[in-house]
Protein backbone atom coordinates (compact mmCIF):
# COMPACT_ATOMS: atom_id res chain seq x y z
CA UNK A 1 74.99 102.57 109.78
CA UNK A 2 72.54 100.60 111.21
CA UNK A 3 72.71 99.11 115.01
CA UNK A 4 72.91 95.69 113.87
CA UNK A 5 75.97 96.64 111.17
CA UNK A 6 77.96 98.58 113.85
CA UNK A 7 77.01 95.34 116.23
CA UNK A 8 77.95 92.81 113.99
CA UNK A 9 81.64 94.83 113.06
CA UNK A 10 82.37 95.24 117.29
CA UNK A 11 81.99 91.04 117.42
CA UNK A 12 84.13 90.60 113.99
CA UNK A 13 86.61 92.70 116.28
CA UNK A 14 86.58 90.96 119.06
CA UNK A 15 86.78 87.49 117.50
CA UNK A 16 89.58 88.92 115.73
CA UNK A 17 91.58 90.04 118.91
CA UNK A 18 90.55 86.68 120.45
CA UNK A 19 92.14 84.79 117.78
CA UNK A 20 95.43 86.74 118.01
CA UNK A 21 94.54 88.32 114.28
CA UNK A 22 95.60 91.93 115.43
CA UNK A 23 96.24 93.52 112.12
CA UNK A 24 92.47 92.52 111.38
CA UNK A 25 91.15 93.55 114.54
CA UNK A 26 92.88 96.62 114.01
CA UNK A 27 91.28 97.55 110.27
CA UNK A 28 87.69 96.88 112.46
CA UNK A 29 88.60 99.72 114.61
CA UNK A 30 87.90 103.33 113.59
CA UNK A 31 91.96 104.77 113.11
CA UNK A 32 90.13 108.14 115.15
CA UNK A 33 88.95 105.76 118.31
CA UNK A 34 89.53 107.65 121.44
CA UNK A 35 89.56 105.98 124.51
CA UNK A 36 89.77 106.33 128.12
CA UNK A 37 90.66 104.64 131.14
CA UNK A 38 90.37 105.57 134.80
CA UNK A 39 93.57 106.99 136.13
CA UNK A 40 94.92 107.62 132.82
CA UNK A 41 95.58 109.72 129.73
CA UNK A 42 93.36 110.06 127.22
CA UNK A 43 94.32 107.15 124.42
CA UNK A 44 93.86 108.14 120.56
CA UNK A 45 94.13 106.14 117.59
CA UNK A 46 94.30 102.31 117.00
CA UNK A 47 97.84 101.74 118.50
CA UNK A 48 97.15 103.79 121.64
CA UNK A 49 93.90 102.21 122.11
CA UNK A 50 95.69 98.94 121.83
CA UNK A 51 98.67 99.68 124.03
CA UNK A 52 96.46 99.81 127.02
CA UNK A 53 95.80 96.34 126.78
């Protein structure tokens, strides 16, 4: 994927979450996402990643 495509996907995901469309946002995030939060454990998967918000 190109940088422009990645940027567009990220912006679409942010917009979906901002509008409360969690399911659409989840479809735009990789199911294999790994998030790291200072002072927390590693978050693996979309549901774990979203649970920190």
